[in-house]
Amino acid sequence: MREEAAFIFSPEQLKYKFHQDHPFNQDRLSITNDLLFKIGALNPSSIIPARMATLDELLLVHDEDYVQAVVGASEGQFRSSYRTTYGIGTEDTPVFPQMHDAAAWLVGGTLEAVDQVFANGYKHALNLGGGLHHGFRGKASGFCIYNDSSVAIEYIRKKYDARVLYIDTDAHHGDGVQWAFYNDPDVCTLSFHESGRFLFPGTGHVNERGHGEGLGYSFNVPFEAFTEDESWLLAYKAAIREVIAYFKPDVILTQNGADAHYYDPLTHLCGTMKMFQEIPKIAHELAHEYCDGKWIAVGGGGYDIWRVVPRAWSHLWLEMTEQTDKTFQSIPSSWISQWEKEAPVKLPEEWHDSEGIYPDIPRQKEIIEKNERMLLKALKPIFDKQNIYKNS
């Protein structure tokens, strides 16, 4: 294992738990970590502890009255008005004891990842507990109380004066991060997601391009429902290369939701594990090409915590540490026996998905063509600028 990458985790991150039946289940961290331990890709003693974000750090992005409402609700001082005013106490983000502390640990994990890269000599850092990209400055949304990526980006800007490219491959649009930096020319957001015509949060259209000085630094590639690996990856590889060459960041921050997989219960895409092998591979390559290797990765969505998330997120760490050969073998039987009694589904025995995990898509050609047109629309500002330079 190369010592270029830092793995951030603390047990306190497991306390971000709304209730037993809620789709957002942080047990996925324990299940993923255990898979990495059992294939010999991660040594428990080498894990770098997360920390709890301070109030001042949360206020880099979040409004003070909102943070105080979260603190109060966490301590049993909930008011019914918080549902509409602050988005807490809703079906998506119900209140739970010590909610503020649990959320602050997720943010602190991403901030620790930032410092490991910028201050402690690591090229890459991974905080799977992060990726809560729907949180707004003054409101919770979509299972997200605080937005660790937004706080981390502002932290990077203030402390390290670096230009940040944020890449979001969650099936849900990375709305909270986009809107937080919609006017900022030093932060570029690039989101690949299922079209908002079909899925929460209903945003992420190609015409959301930034505002004011930030115009031209927000990119969205919305996919048709039932998009498959080939079409998804074609757009991903093309867009990420164009955008990074256009923006020239100092660091890449990737949000790695695992909910674009066919098995995910909350989305309508037809990704397989092939997608989750390729996503970090391209990010890794481009981080070294453009950012001296600086790459920070966080988790995100992922609601099939048994068959999808452990394999998908393991690929992140295996790519960061150049241990992808670990996937040449089968999933360890010791991992399967550890978790199969708790799993409501049959656990995977291989790293790849077998052929035919979903039926043929009758609209495949139409879906591919629509995705290609959407990609061209998304990249139009770059192409327009290139034509201006050519003709000047």
Foldseek 3Di string as FASTA:
>chain_A
DDPQEAEEEDPLLQPLDQDDPALDHSVLVVLLVVLCVVLVNDDPVRHDYFDFADPVLLLLFADPVQLVQLVCLLVVNHDPVCCVFAVECDPQHDHYHPNSRNLRSLLRRLLVQVCCCPPVRHLEYEAQSAQLQQDARRYHDRSHSGHSVQSNVSCCCVPVVWQEEEEEEAQEWSPRNCVSCLAPLSYAYEYEHAALVVAPPSDQALPSQGDHNRGNRYFGQHAYFAAEDVLSVVLVLVVVVLNCVVSLTQAYEYEAEFQLDCPRPRGRYHYWLVNLLVVLLSVQVVCVVRHVSHYYYYYHHDRQSAATSSLSVVSNSCNSRVNVCSQVAWRDVVSQVVCVVPHPDRHGGHSTDDPPPDDDDPCNVVRSVVSVVSSCSRCVVSVVVVVVVVVD
